[in-house]
């Protein structure tokens, strides 16, 4: 499995795709300046599916620099459910309150910790195992503000659209950008025109 199959959206920020593999089936991403964040979206980028019968359990940690990380199970993503929105406002308080305690979930490994940074972990596990796990009820987003949901869905739509048109830079020898993915400006303009046209036809199309 590759770390680039996952992406993260923090409400009000740019999309993050810098997950790193920390084990054969575990992936981690760090959220900077996490004190003021309320919602996150974890999604599959579409570059690679889960193997048959597998899914990704999603964990959250708001660590203290002087203590081991406490991981809170949020929920899961899968080929049939490629994205999920989680509310982490109360989870940050819970995480700090439990500093020093041990949480019996499957994402317990030691990582360098920095104050005011949050971490999202994804662990690839059998769907039958994940189906028996109980997510923290504070991560429920049923009461999520419609504007937050719209912003998150829009950013996810933009990312997925642009990714399908990205190209790798190979023409410039010794360039620090060689090998990186780039998207033509006109692609973003095309997405904007398509998105606004669909929004005028059906203001709620983004909920589908």
N, C-alpha and C. Protein backbone atom coordinates (compact mmCIF):
# COMPACT_ATOMS: atom_id res chain seq x y z
N UNK A 1 0.84 -1.19 0.00
CA UNK A 1 0.00 0.00 0.00
C UNK A 1 0.88 1.25 0.00
N UNK A 2 0.39 2.30 -0.63
CA UNK A 2 1.16 3.54 -0.76
C UNK A 2 0.49 4.66 0.03
N UNK A 3 1.32 5.52 0.64
CA UNK A 3 0.79 6.63 1.45
C UNK A 3 0.04 7.64 0.61
N UNK A 4 0.32 7.71 -0.71
CA UNK A 4 -0.34 8.72 -1.54
C UNK A 4 -1.77 8.36 -1.90
N UNK A 5 -2.28 7.27 -1.36
CA UNK A 5 -3.68 6.91 -1.60
C UNK A 5 -4.62 7.65 -0.65
N UNK A 6 -4.05 8.41 0.33
CA UNK A 6 -4.86 9.11 1.31
C UNK A 6 -4.67 10.62 1.23
N UNK A 7 -5.72 11.35 1.57
CA UNK A 7 -5.65 12.80 1.64
C UNK A 7 -6.38 13.29 2.87
N UNK A 8 -6.11 14.55 3.23
CA UNK A 8 -6.73 15.15 4.42
C UNK A 8 -7.14 16.57 4.12
N UNK A 9 -8.34 16.94 4.57
CA UNK A 9 -8.80 18.31 4.47
C UNK A 9 -9.14 18.81 5.87
N UNK A 10 -8.50 19.90 6.25
CA UNK A 10 -8.84 20.60 7.49
C UNK A 10 -9.68 21.80 7.09
N UNK A 11 -10.83 21.94 7.70
CA UNK A 11 -11.75 23.01 7.33
C UNK A 11 -11.04 24.36 7.33
N UNK A 12 -11.12 25.07 6.18
CA UNK A 12 -10.50 26.38 6.05
C UNK A 12 -9.06 26.36 5.60
N UNK A 13 -8.51 25.19 5.25
CA UNK A 13 -7.11 25.08 4.83
C UNK A 13 -7.00 24.33 3.51
N UNK A 14 -5.80 24.36 2.94
CA UNK A 14 -5.54 23.62 1.71
C UNK A 14 -5.50 22.12 1.98
N UNK A 15 -5.73 21.35 0.93
CA UNK A 15 -5.68 19.89 1.04
C UNK A 15 -4.27 19.44 1.38
N UNK A 16 -4.16 18.44 2.26
CA UNK A 16 -2.87 17.83 2.58
C UNK A 16 -2.85 16.40 2.05
N UNK A 17 -1.74 16.02 1.44
CA UNK A 17 -1.59 14.65 0.95
C UNK A 17 -0.26 14.05 1.40
N UNK A 18 0.37 14.65 2.41
CA UNK A 18 1.70 14.22 2.82
C UNK A 18 1.66 13.15 3.92
N UNK A 19 0.80 12.15 3.74
CA UNK A 19 0.84 11.00 4.64
C UNK A 19 2.17 10.27 4.46
N UNK A 20 2.69 9.72 5.54
CA UNK A 20 3.92 8.93 5.47
C UNK A 20 3.64 7.55 6.05
N UNK A 21 4.29 6.54 5.48
CA UNK A 21 4.15 5.18 5.99
C UNK A 21 5.05 5.01 7.21
N UNK A 22 4.48 4.58 8.33
CA UNK A 22 5.25 4.35 9.55
C UNK A 22 5.33 2.87 9.89
N UNK A 23 4.62 2.07 9.12
CA UNK A 23 4.65 0.61 9.25
C UNK A 23 4.08 0.06 7.94
N UNK A 24 4.06 -1.25 7.80
CA UNK A 24 3.58 -1.82 6.53
C UNK A 24 2.11 -1.52 6.28
N UNK A 25 1.35 -1.29 7.35
CA UNK A 25 -0.09 -1.04 7.16
C UNK A 25 -0.57 0.20 7.93
N UNK A 26 0.35 1.08 8.33
CA UNK A 26 -0.01 2.27 9.09
C UNK A 26 0.55 3.53 8.43
N UNK A 27 -0.28 4.57 8.39
CA UNK A 27 0.10 5.82 7.73
C UNK A 27 -0.25 6.99 8.64
N UNK A 28 0.59 8.01 8.59
CA UNK A 28 0.47 9.11 9.54
C UNK A 28 0.61 10.45 8.83
N UNK A 29 -0.17 11.44 9.29
CA UNK A 29 -0.03 12.81 8.80
C UNK A 29 -0.11 13.75 10.00
N UNK A 30 0.60 14.85 9.93
CA UNK A 30 0.64 15.84 11.01
C UNK A 30 -0.10 17.10 10.59
N UNK A 31 -0.89 17.64 11.49
CA UNK A 31 -1.63 18.88 11.26
C UNK A 31 -0.98 19.97 12.11
N UNK A 32 -0.44 20.99 11.48
CA UNK A 32 0.20 22.06 12.21
C UNK A 32 -0.83 23.03 12.77
N UNK A 33 -0.45 23.72 13.85
CA UNK A 33 -1.30 24.74 14.47
C UNK A 33 -2.72 24.23 14.65
N UNK A 34 -2.83 23.14 15.40
CA UNK A 34 -4.09 22.42 15.48
C UNK A 34 -5.04 22.92 16.56
N UNK A 35 -4.65 23.94 17.29
CA UNK A 35 -5.49 24.39 18.41
C UNK A 35 -6.87 24.86 17.98
N UNK A 36 -6.97 25.46 16.80
CA UNK A 36 -8.23 26.09 16.40
C UNK A 36 -9.01 25.29 15.35
N UNK A 37 -8.64 24.05 15.09
CA UNK A 37 -9.36 23.28 14.07
C UNK A 37 -10.54 22.55 14.71
N UNK A 38 -11.62 22.39 13.94
CA UNK A 38 -12.84 21.77 14.46
C UNK A 38 -13.24 20.50 13.71
N UNK A 39 -13.00 20.48 12.39
CA UNK A 39 -13.41 19.33 11.57
C UNK A 39 -12.26 18.91 10.64
N UNK A 40 -12.21 17.64 10.34
CA UNK A 40 -11.27 17.13 9.35
C UNK A 40 -12.00 16.15 8.44
N UNK A 41 -11.54 16.07 7.21
CA UNK A 41 -12.03 15.07 6.26
C UNK A 41 -10.86 14.18 5.87
N UNK A 42 -11.02 12.89 6.01
CA UNK A 42 -10.03 11.92 5.56
C UNK A 42 -10.62 11.23 4.34
N UNK A 43 -9.85 11.15 3.26
CA UNK A 43 -10.41 10.59 2.03
C UNK A 43 -9.36 9.82 1.24
N UNK A 44 -9.83 8.98 0.34
CA UNK A 44 -8.97 8.26 -0.58
C UNK A 44 -8.80 9.10 -1.84
N UNK A 45 -7.58 9.21 -2.33
CA UNK A 45 -7.32 10.06 -3.49
C UNK A 45 -7.71 9.39 -4.80
N UNK A 46 -7.95 8.10 -4.78
CA UNK A 46 -8.30 7.38 -6.00
C UNK A 46 -7.12 6.80 -6.73
N UNK A 47 -5.91 7.02 -6.23
CA UNK A 47 -4.72 6.49 -6.89
C UNK A 47 -4.55 4.99 -6.66
N UNK A 48 -5.14 4.48 -5.59
CA UNK A 48 -5.01 3.05 -5.28
C UNK A 48 -6.14 2.65 -4.35
N UNK A 49 -6.82 1.52 -4.61
CA UNK A 49 -7.88 1.06 -3.72
C UNK A 49 -7.31 0.20 -2.60
N UNK A 50 -8.14 -0.06 -1.59
CA UNK A 50 -7.78 -1.04 -0.57
C UNK A 50 -7.85 -2.43 -1.17
N UNK A 51 -7.02 -3.35 -0.70
CA UNK A 51 -7.18 -4.75 -1.13
C UNK A 51 -8.55 -5.26 -0.72
N UNK A 52 -9.05 -6.24 -1.42
CA UNK A 52 -10.38 -6.78 -1.14
C UNK A 52 -10.48 -7.25 0.31
N UNK A 53 -11.56 -6.85 0.98
CA UNK A 53 -11.77 -7.25 2.36
C UNK A 53 -11.07 -6.38 3.38
N UNK A 54 -10.39 -5.32 2.93
CA UNK A 54 -9.65 -4.44 3.83
C UNK A 54 -10.24 -3.03 3.82
N UNK A 55 -9.97 -2.27 4.87
CA UNK A 55 -10.40 -0.89 4.98
C UNK A 55 -9.40 -0.16 5.87
N UNK A 56 -9.63 1.12 6.09
CA UNK A 56 -8.70 1.91 6.90
C UNK A 56 -9.37 2.48 8.13
N UNK A 57 -8.95 2.06 9.32
CA UNK A 57 -9.45 2.67 10.54
C UNK A 57 -8.69 3.97 10.78
N UNK A 58 -9.41 5.02 11.18
CA UNK A 58 -8.85 6.36 11.30
C UNK A 58 -8.74 6.74 12.77
N UNK A 59 -7.58 7.26 13.16
CA UNK A 59 -7.32 7.63 14.55
C UNK A 59 -6.88 9.08 14.65
N UNK A 60 -7.10 9.67 15.82
CA UNK A 60 -6.72 11.06 16.07
C UNK A 60 -5.90 11.15 17.35
N UNK A 61 -4.90 12.02 17.33
CA UNK A 61 -4.10 12.27 18.52
C UNK A 61 -3.75 13.75 18.60
N UNK A 62 -3.95 14.31 19.78
CA UNK A 62 -3.55 15.69 20.05
C UNK A 62 -2.56 15.60 21.20
N UNK A 63 -1.28 15.32 20.88
CA UNK A 63 -0.34 14.87 21.90
C UNK A 63 0.27 15.98 22.74
N UNK A 64 0.81 15.55 23.86
CA UNK A 64 1.61 16.40 24.75
C UNK A 64 3.08 16.03 24.53
N UNK A 65 3.97 17.03 24.43
CA UNK A 65 5.37 16.73 24.11
C UNK A 65 6.09 15.87 25.14
N UNK A 66 5.56 15.79 26.36
CA UNK A 66 6.25 15.06 27.42
C UNK A 66 5.65 13.70 27.71
N UNK A 67 4.65 13.27 26.91
CA UNK A 67 3.97 12.00 27.20
C UNK A 67 3.77 11.19 25.92
N UNK A 68 3.59 9.87 26.06
CA UNK A 68 3.30 9.04 24.89
C UNK A 68 1.98 9.45 24.26
N UNK A 69 1.81 9.21 22.95
CA UNK A 69 0.57 9.62 22.28
C UNK A 69 -0.63 8.79 22.73
N UNK A 70 -1.78 9.43 22.79
CA UNK A 70 -3.05 8.79 23.07
C UNK A 70 -3.86 8.83 21.78
N UNK A 71 -4.23 7.66 21.26
CA UNK A 71 -4.93 7.58 19.98
C UNK A 71 -6.41 7.32 20.19
N UNK A 72 -7.26 8.10 19.55
CA UNK A 72 -8.71 7.99 19.65
C UNK A 72 -9.26 7.52 18.30
N UNK A 73 -10.04 6.44 18.33
CA UNK A 73 -10.61 5.90 17.09
C UNK A 73 -11.78 6.77 16.64
N UNK A 74 -11.72 7.24 15.37
CA UNK A 74 -12.75 8.13 14.83
C UNK A 74 -13.79 7.40 13.98
N UNK A 75 -13.35 6.44 13.21
CA UNK A 75 -14.21 5.76 12.25
C UNK A 75 -13.35 5.14 11.18
N UNK A 76 -13.89 4.97 9.97
CA UNK A 76 -13.11 4.29 8.93
C UNK A 76 -13.44 4.84 7.55
N UNK A 77 -12.57 4.50 6.60
CA UNK A 77 -12.81 4.73 5.19
C UNK A 77 -12.58 3.40 4.47
N UNK A 78 -13.21 3.26 3.30
CA UNK A 78 -13.08 2.02 2.54
C UNK A 78 -13.34 2.31 1.07
N UNK A 79 -13.21 1.29 0.24
CA UNK A 79 -13.49 1.47 -1.19
C UNK A 79 -14.95 1.89 -1.41
N UNK A 80 -15.84 1.41 -0.57
CA UNK A 80 -17.26 1.75 -0.69
C UNK A 80 -17.57 3.08 0.01
N UNK A 81 -16.73 3.50 0.93
CA UNK A 81 -16.91 4.74 1.68
C UNK A 81 -15.57 5.49 1.65
N UNK A 82 -15.23 6.12 0.51
CA UNK A 82 -13.88 6.66 0.32
C UNK A 82 -13.57 7.95 1.06
N UNK A 83 -14.53 8.53 1.77
CA UNK A 83 -14.24 9.74 2.54
C UNK A 83 -15.12 9.77 3.78
N UNK A 84 -14.65 10.46 4.81
CA UNK A 84 -15.40 10.58 6.05
C UNK A 84 -15.05 11.91 6.71
N UNK A 85 -16.06 12.55 7.31
CA UNK A 85 -15.89 13.81 8.00
C UNK A 85 -15.94 13.54 9.50
N UNK A 86 -14.98 14.10 10.25
CA UNK A 86 -14.94 13.89 11.69
C UNK A 86 -14.86 15.23 12.42
N UNK A 87 -15.57 15.31 13.53
CA UNK A 87 -15.53 16.49 14.39
C UNK A 87 -14.54 16.22 15.52
N UNK A 88 -13.52 17.06 15.66
CA UNK A 88 -12.47 16.78 16.64
C UNK A 88 -12.38 17.84 17.73
N UNK A 89 -13.33 18.76 17.78
CA UNK A 89 -13.29 19.83 18.78
C UNK A 89 -13.16 19.28 20.19
N UNK A 90 -14.07 18.37 20.56
CA UNK A 90 -14.04 17.82 21.91
C UNK A 90 -12.95 16.78 22.09
N UNK A 91 -12.52 16.17 20.99
CA UNK A 91 -11.50 15.12 21.08
C UNK A 91 -10.16 15.68 21.53
N UNK A 92 -9.88 16.94 21.17
CA UNK A 92 -8.62 17.55 21.60
C UNK A 92 -8.60 17.67 23.12
N UNK A 93 -9.72 18.04 23.70
CA UNK A 93 -9.80 18.15 25.15
C UNK A 93 -9.67 16.77 25.80
N UNK A 94 -10.32 15.77 25.22
CA UNK A 94 -10.24 14.41 25.74
C UNK A 94 -8.83 13.88 25.68
N UNK A 95 -8.15 14.17 24.56
CA UNK A 95 -6.79 13.68 24.36
C UNK A 95 -5.85 14.23 25.43
N UNK A 96 -5.99 15.52 25.71
CA UNK A 96 -5.13 16.15 26.71
C UNK A 96 -5.47 15.64 28.10
N UNK A 97 -6.75 15.39 28.36
CA UNK A 97 -7.16 14.92 29.67
C UNK A 97 -6.63 13.51 29.95
N UNK A 98 -6.40 12.74 28.87
CA UNK A 98 -5.94 11.36 29.03
C UNK A 98 -4.44 11.20 28.89
N UNK A 99 -3.70 12.31 28.87
CA UNK A 99 -2.25 12.24 28.71
C UNK A 99 -1.67 11.33 29.79
N UNK A 100 -0.85 10.39 29.34
CA UNK A 100 -0.23 9.47 30.26
C UNK A 100 -0.99 8.16 30.38
N UNK A 101 -2.22 8.11 29.91
CA UNK A 101 -3.00 6.87 29.96
C UNK A 101 -2.75 6.06 28.70
N UNK A 102 -3.19 4.83 28.72
CA UNK A 102 -3.01 3.95 27.57
C UNK A 102 -4.35 3.68 26.93
N UNK A 103 -4.45 3.91 25.64
CA UNK A 103 -5.69 3.64 24.91
C UNK A 103 -5.50 2.36 24.12
N UNK A 104 -6.40 1.40 24.31
CA UNK A 104 -6.23 0.09 23.70
C UNK A 104 -6.74 0.02 22.29
N UNK A 105 -6.18 0.80 21.38
CA UNK A 105 -6.58 0.75 19.98
C UNK A 105 -5.35 0.37 19.14
N UNK A 106 -5.60 0.09 17.87
CA UNK A 106 -4.58 -0.49 17.02
C UNK A 106 -3.64 0.48 16.35
N UNK A 107 -3.51 1.69 16.85
CA UNK A 107 -2.59 2.62 16.22
C UNK A 107 -1.55 3.11 17.22
N UNK A 108 -1.11 2.22 18.09
CA UNK A 108 -0.17 2.63 19.14
C UNK A 108 1.28 2.42 18.74
N UNK A 109 1.94 3.45 18.24
CA UNK A 109 3.37 3.38 17.97
C UNK A 109 3.98 4.71 18.36
N UNK A 110 5.26 4.71 18.64
CA UNK A 110 5.93 5.92 19.11
C UNK A 110 6.34 6.79 17.94
N UNK A 111 6.00 8.07 18.00
CA UNK A 111 6.37 9.04 16.98
C UNK A 111 6.85 10.31 17.66
N UNK A 112 7.76 11.07 17.02
CA UNK A 112 8.14 12.36 17.59
C UNK A 112 6.91 13.25 17.74
N UNK A 113 6.80 13.94 18.89
CA UNK A 113 5.62 14.73 19.19
C UNK A 113 6.01 16.20 19.36
N UNK A 114 5.20 17.09 18.82
CA UNK A 114 5.42 18.51 18.96
C UNK A 114 4.15 19.15 19.49
N UNK A 115 4.31 20.11 20.42
CA UNK A 115 3.16 20.77 21.01
C UNK A 115 2.37 21.52 19.94
N UNK A 116 1.05 21.54 20.08
CA UNK A 116 0.14 22.25 19.20
C UNK A 116 0.03 21.59 17.82
N UNK A 117 0.58 20.41 17.68
CA UNK A 117 0.42 19.64 16.44
C UNK A 117 -0.53 18.49 16.73
N UNK A 118 -1.44 18.24 15.81
CA UNK A 118 -2.29 17.06 15.92
C UNK A 118 -1.84 16.05 14.89
N UNK A 119 -2.25 14.81 15.07
CA UNK A 119 -1.87 13.75 14.14
C UNK A 119 -3.08 12.90 13.79
N UNK A 120 -3.16 12.51 12.52
CA UNK A 120 -4.17 11.58 12.05
C UNK A 120 -3.46 10.31 11.58
N UNK A 121 -3.90 9.18 12.09
CA UNK A 121 -3.31 7.91 11.69
C UNK A 121 -4.34 7.03 11.00
N UNK A 122 -3.91 6.31 9.99
CA UNK A 122 -4.77 5.35 9.29
C UNK A 122 -4.11 3.98 9.37
N UNK A 123 -4.86 3.01 9.82
CA UNK A 123 -4.36 1.65 9.94
C UNK A 123 -5.19 0.73 9.05
N UNK A 124 -4.55 0.07 8.10
CA UNK A 124 -5.25 -0.84 7.20
C UNK A 124 -5.52 -2.16 7.93
N UNK A 125 -6.80 -2.52 8.02
CA UNK A 125 -7.20 -3.71 8.77
C UNK A 125 -8.35 -4.40 8.05
N UNK A 126 -8.62 -5.65 8.40
CA UNK A 126 -9.78 -6.35 7.80
C UNK A 126 -11.08 -5.63 8.16
N UNK A 127 -12.00 -5.56 7.19
CA UNK A 127 -13.28 -4.90 7.42
C UNK A 127 -14.04 -5.57 8.56
N UNK A 128 -13.93 -6.88 8.69
CA UNK A 128 -14.64 -7.59 9.76
C UNK A 128 -14.15 -7.16 11.13
N UNK A 129 -12.88 -6.80 11.23
CA UNK A 129 -12.33 -6.32 12.50
C UNK A 129 -12.82 -4.91 12.79
N UNK A 130 -12.77 -4.04 11.76
CA UNK A 130 -13.19 -2.65 11.93
C UNK A 130 -14.67 -2.57 12.28
N UNK A 131 -15.48 -3.46 11.72
CA UNK A 131 -16.92 -3.41 11.95
C UNK A 131 -17.28 -3.63 13.41
N UNK A 132 -16.37 -4.18 14.19
CA UNK A 132 -16.62 -4.44 15.60
C UNK A 132 -16.08 -3.34 16.51
N UNK A 133 -15.44 -2.33 15.92
CA UNK A 133 -14.85 -1.25 16.71
C UNK A 133 -15.86 -0.14 16.93
N UNK A 134 -15.77 0.52 18.07
CA UNK A 134 -16.68 1.61 18.42
C UNK A 134 -15.95 2.95 18.33
N UNK A 135 -16.43 3.83 17.46
CA UNK A 135 -15.82 5.15 17.32
C UNK A 135 -16.22 6.04 18.48
N UNK A 136 -15.37 7.01 18.80
CA UNK A 136 -15.69 7.97 19.85
C UNK A 136 -16.93 8.76 19.43
N UNK A 137 -17.97 8.82 20.27
CA UNK A 137 -19.21 9.52 19.89
C UNK A 137 -19.01 11.01 19.66
N UNK A 138 -17.95 11.59 20.23
CA UNK A 138 -17.69 13.02 20.04
C UNK A 138 -17.25 13.34 18.62
N UNK A 139 -16.89 12.30 17.84
CA UNK A 139 -16.45 12.52 16.45
C UNK A 139 -17.62 12.58 15.49
N UNK A 140 -18.84 12.37 15.98
CA UNK A 140 -20.03 12.39 15.15
C UNK A 140 -20.24 13.78 14.57
N UNK A 141 -20.53 13.85 13.26
CA UNK A 141 -20.69 15.15 12.60
C UNK A 141 -22.12 15.38 12.13
N UNK A 142 -23.08 14.69 12.75
CA UNK A 142 -24.46 14.83 12.31
C UNK A 142 -24.99 16.24 12.49
N UNK A 143 -24.41 17.01 13.42
CA UNK A 143 -24.85 18.37 13.65
C UNK A 143 -23.92 19.39 12.99
N UNK A 144 -23.12 18.95 12.04
CA UNK A 144 -22.14 19.81 11.40
C UNK A 144 -22.80 20.97 10.65
N UNK A 145 -22.18 22.13 10.74
CA UNK A 145 -22.66 23.30 10.04
C UNK A 145 -22.62 23.08 8.53
N UNK A 146 -23.71 23.46 7.82
CA UNK A 146 -23.79 23.24 6.38
C UNK A 146 -22.69 23.96 5.62
N UNK A 147 -22.31 25.14 6.10
CA UNK A 147 -21.26 25.88 5.40
C UNK A 147 -19.93 25.13 5.49
N UNK A 148 -19.61 24.59 6.67
CA UNK A 148 -18.38 23.82 6.82
C UNK A 148 -18.39 22.62 5.89
N UNK A 149 -19.52 21.94 5.82
CA UNK A 149 -19.64 20.75 4.96
C UNK A 149 -19.47 21.13 3.49
N UNK A 150 -20.08 22.25 3.10
CA UNK A 150 -19.97 22.69 1.71
C UNK A 150 -18.52 23.02 1.36
N UNK A 151 -17.82 23.72 2.27
CA UNK A 151 -16.43 24.09 2.01
C UNK A 151 -15.55 22.85 1.88
N UNK A 152 -15.78 21.87 2.74
CA UNK A 152 -14.98 20.66 2.71
C UNK A 152 -15.24 19.85 1.44
N UNK A 153 -16.51 19.72 1.08
CA UNK A 153 -16.87 18.97 -0.13
C UNK A 153 -16.31 19.66 -1.38
N UNK A 154 -16.34 21.00 -1.40
CA UNK A 154 -15.82 21.74 -2.54
C UNK A 154 -14.32 21.52 -2.70
N UNK A 155 -13.59 21.61 -1.59
CA UNK A 155 -12.15 21.39 -1.64
C UNK A 155 -11.81 19.98 -2.09
N UNK A 156 -12.57 19.01 -1.61
CA UNK A 156 -12.33 17.62 -2.00
C UNK A 156 -12.61 17.43 -3.49
N UNK A 157 -13.68 18.06 -3.99
CA UNK A 157 -14.02 17.98 -5.41
C UNK A 157 -12.92 18.59 -6.26
N UNK A 158 -12.41 19.75 -5.84
CA UNK A 158 -11.33 20.42 -6.58
C UNK A 158 -10.08 19.55 -6.62
N UNK A 159 -9.72 18.98 -5.48
CA UNK A 159 -8.51 18.16 -5.42
C UNK A 159 -8.62 16.95 -6.34
N UNK A 160 -9.74 16.25 -6.26
CA UNK A 160 -9.92 15.05 -7.09
C UNK A 160 -9.91 15.39 -8.58
N UNK A 161 -10.52 16.51 -8.94
CA UNK A 161 -10.56 16.92 -10.35
C UNK A 161 -9.16 17.25 -10.85
N UNK A 162 -8.44 18.05 -10.09
CA UNK A 162 -7.10 18.48 -10.52
C UNK A 162 -6.12 17.31 -10.56
N UNK A 163 -6.25 16.38 -9.63
CA UNK A 163 -5.35 15.22 -9.60
C UNK A 163 -5.44 14.42 -10.90
N UNK A 164 -6.62 14.36 -11.48
CA UNK A 164 -6.79 13.58 -12.71
C UNK A 164 -6.11 14.23 -13.91
N UNK A 165 -5.71 15.52 -13.79
CA UNK A 165 -5.04 16.23 -14.88
C UNK A 165 -3.58 16.56 -14.56
N UNK A 166 -3.08 16.06 -13.44
CA UNK A 166 -1.71 16.40 -13.04
C UNK A 166 -0.68 15.69 -13.92
N UNK A 167 0.47 16.32 -14.05
CA UNK A 167 1.58 15.77 -14.83
C UNK A 167 2.87 15.90 -14.03
N UNK A 168 3.80 14.99 -14.31
CA UNK A 168 5.09 15.02 -13.64
C UNK A 168 6.08 15.85 -14.45
N UNK A 169 6.79 16.77 -13.76
CA UNK A 169 7.78 17.61 -14.44
C UNK A 169 9.05 16.80 -14.69
N UNK A 170 9.43 16.67 -15.99
CA UNK A 170 10.60 15.86 -16.35
C UNK A 170 11.55 16.58 -17.30
N UNK A 171 11.20 17.78 -17.76
CA UNK A 171 11.97 18.43 -18.81
C UNK A 171 13.13 19.28 -18.32
N UNK A 172 13.16 19.57 -17.00
CA UNK A 172 14.19 20.47 -16.50
C UNK A 172 15.19 19.70 -15.66
N UNK A 173 16.38 19.51 -16.22
CA UNK A 173 17.43 18.76 -15.55
C UNK A 173 17.93 19.55 -14.34
N UNK A 174 18.13 18.84 -13.21
CA UNK A 174 18.65 19.41 -11.97
C UNK A 174 17.71 20.43 -11.34
N UNK A 175 16.49 20.51 -11.81
CA UNK A 175 15.52 21.42 -11.19
C UNK A 175 15.02 20.81 -9.89
N UNK A 176 14.87 21.62 -8.83
CA UNK A 176 14.35 21.08 -7.57
C UNK A 176 12.90 20.59 -7.69
N UNK A 177 12.22 20.94 -8.79
CA UNK A 177 10.83 20.56 -8.98
C UNK A 177 10.69 19.31 -9.86
N UNK A 178 11.81 18.77 -10.35
CA UNK A 178 11.76 17.59 -11.20
C UNK A 178 11.13 16.42 -10.45
N UNK A 179 10.17 15.76 -11.08
CA UNK A 179 9.51 14.62 -10.47
C UNK A 179 8.26 14.97 -9.69
N UNK A 180 8.00 16.25 -9.47
CA UNK A 180 6.81 16.66 -8.73
C UNK A 180 5.61 16.78 -9.65
N UNK A 181 4.43 16.68 -9.07
CA UNK A 181 3.19 16.75 -9.83
C UNK A 181 2.73 18.21 -9.96
N UNK A 182 2.33 18.61 -11.19
CA UNK A 182 1.85 19.95 -11.45
C UNK A 182 0.52 19.90 -12.19
N UNK A 183 -0.28 20.93 -11.97
CA UNK A 183 -1.59 21.03 -12.62
C UNK A 183 -1.65 22.33 -13.41
N UNK A 184 -2.00 22.31 -14.71
CA UNK A 184 -2.12 23.53 -15.50
C UNK A 184 -3.18 24.47 -14.92
N UNK A 185 -2.93 25.77 -14.98
CA UNK A 185 -3.86 26.76 -14.46
C UNK A 185 -5.24 26.63 -15.12
N UNK A 186 -5.26 26.34 -16.42
CA UNK A 186 -6.55 26.26 -17.11
C UNK A 186 -7.40 25.11 -16.57
N UNK A 187 -6.78 24.11 -15.96
CA UNK A 187 -7.53 23.01 -15.36
C UNK A 187 -8.37 23.52 -14.19
N UNK A 188 -7.78 24.39 -13.37
CA UNK A 188 -8.51 24.96 -12.24
C UNK A 188 -9.64 25.85 -12.74
N UNK A 189 -9.37 26.62 -13.81
CA UNK A 189 -10.41 27.47 -14.38
C UNK A 189 -11.56 26.62 -14.91
N UNK A 190 -11.22 25.52 -15.55
CA UNK A 190 -12.25 24.62 -16.10
C UNK A 190 -13.08 24.02 -14.98
N UNK A 191 -12.41 23.61 -13.89
CA UNK A 191 -13.14 23.08 -12.73
C UNK A 191 -14.11 24.12 -12.19
N UNK A 192 -13.64 25.37 -12.05
CA UNK A 192 -14.47 26.44 -11.50
C UNK A 192 -15.73 26.65 -12.36
N UNK A 193 -15.56 26.68 -13.67
CA UNK A 193 -16.69 26.88 -14.56
C UNK A 193 -17.68 25.72 -14.47
N UNK A 194 -17.15 24.49 -14.43
CA UNK A 194 -18.03 23.32 -14.32
C UNK A 194 -18.77 23.31 -12.98
N UNK A 195 -18.04 23.63 -11.92
CA UNK A 195 -18.61 23.58 -10.58
C UNK A 195 -19.72 24.61 -10.41
N UNK A 196 -19.45 25.86 -10.84
CA UNK A 196 -20.47 26.91 -10.70
C UNK A 196 -21.68 26.64 -11.59
N UNK A 197 -21.48 26.05 -12.78
CA UNK A 197 -22.60 25.70 -13.65
C UNK A 197 -23.49 24.65 -12.99
N UNK A 198 -22.88 23.64 -12.41
CA UNK A 198 -23.65 22.60 -11.74
C UNK A 198 -24.35 23.15 -10.50
N UNK A 199 -23.71 24.10 -9.83
CA UNK A 199 -24.30 24.69 -8.64
C UNK A 199 -25.56 25.48 -8.99
N UNK A 200 -25.56 26.14 -10.15
CA UNK A 200 -26.73 26.90 -10.57
C UNK A 200 -27.88 25.97 -10.95
N UNK A 201 -27.53 24.83 -11.54
CA UNK A 201 -28.56 23.87 -11.95
C UNK A 201 -29.16 23.15 -10.74
N UNK A 202 -28.26 22.75 -9.82
CA UNK A 202 -28.70 22.02 -8.63
C UNK A 202 -27.86 22.47 -7.44
N UNK A 203 -28.35 23.39 -6.61
CA UNK A 203 -27.58 23.92 -5.47
C UNK A 203 -27.15 22.87 -4.45
N UNK A 204 -27.75 21.68 -4.51
CA UNK A 204 -27.42 20.65 -3.53
C UNK A 204 -26.68 19.46 -4.16
N UNK A 205 -26.15 19.64 -5.39
CA UNK A 205 -25.51 18.52 -6.06
C UNK A 205 -24.30 18.01 -5.30
N UNK A 206 -23.61 18.91 -4.58
CA UNK A 206 -22.37 18.55 -3.87
C UNK A 206 -22.60 17.59 -2.72
N UNK A 207 -23.85 17.41 -2.30
CA UNK A 207 -24.15 16.50 -1.20
C UNK A 207 -24.20 15.05 -1.67
N UNK A 208 -24.25 14.85 -2.98
CA UNK A 208 -24.36 13.49 -3.51
C UNK A 208 -23.04 12.74 -3.40
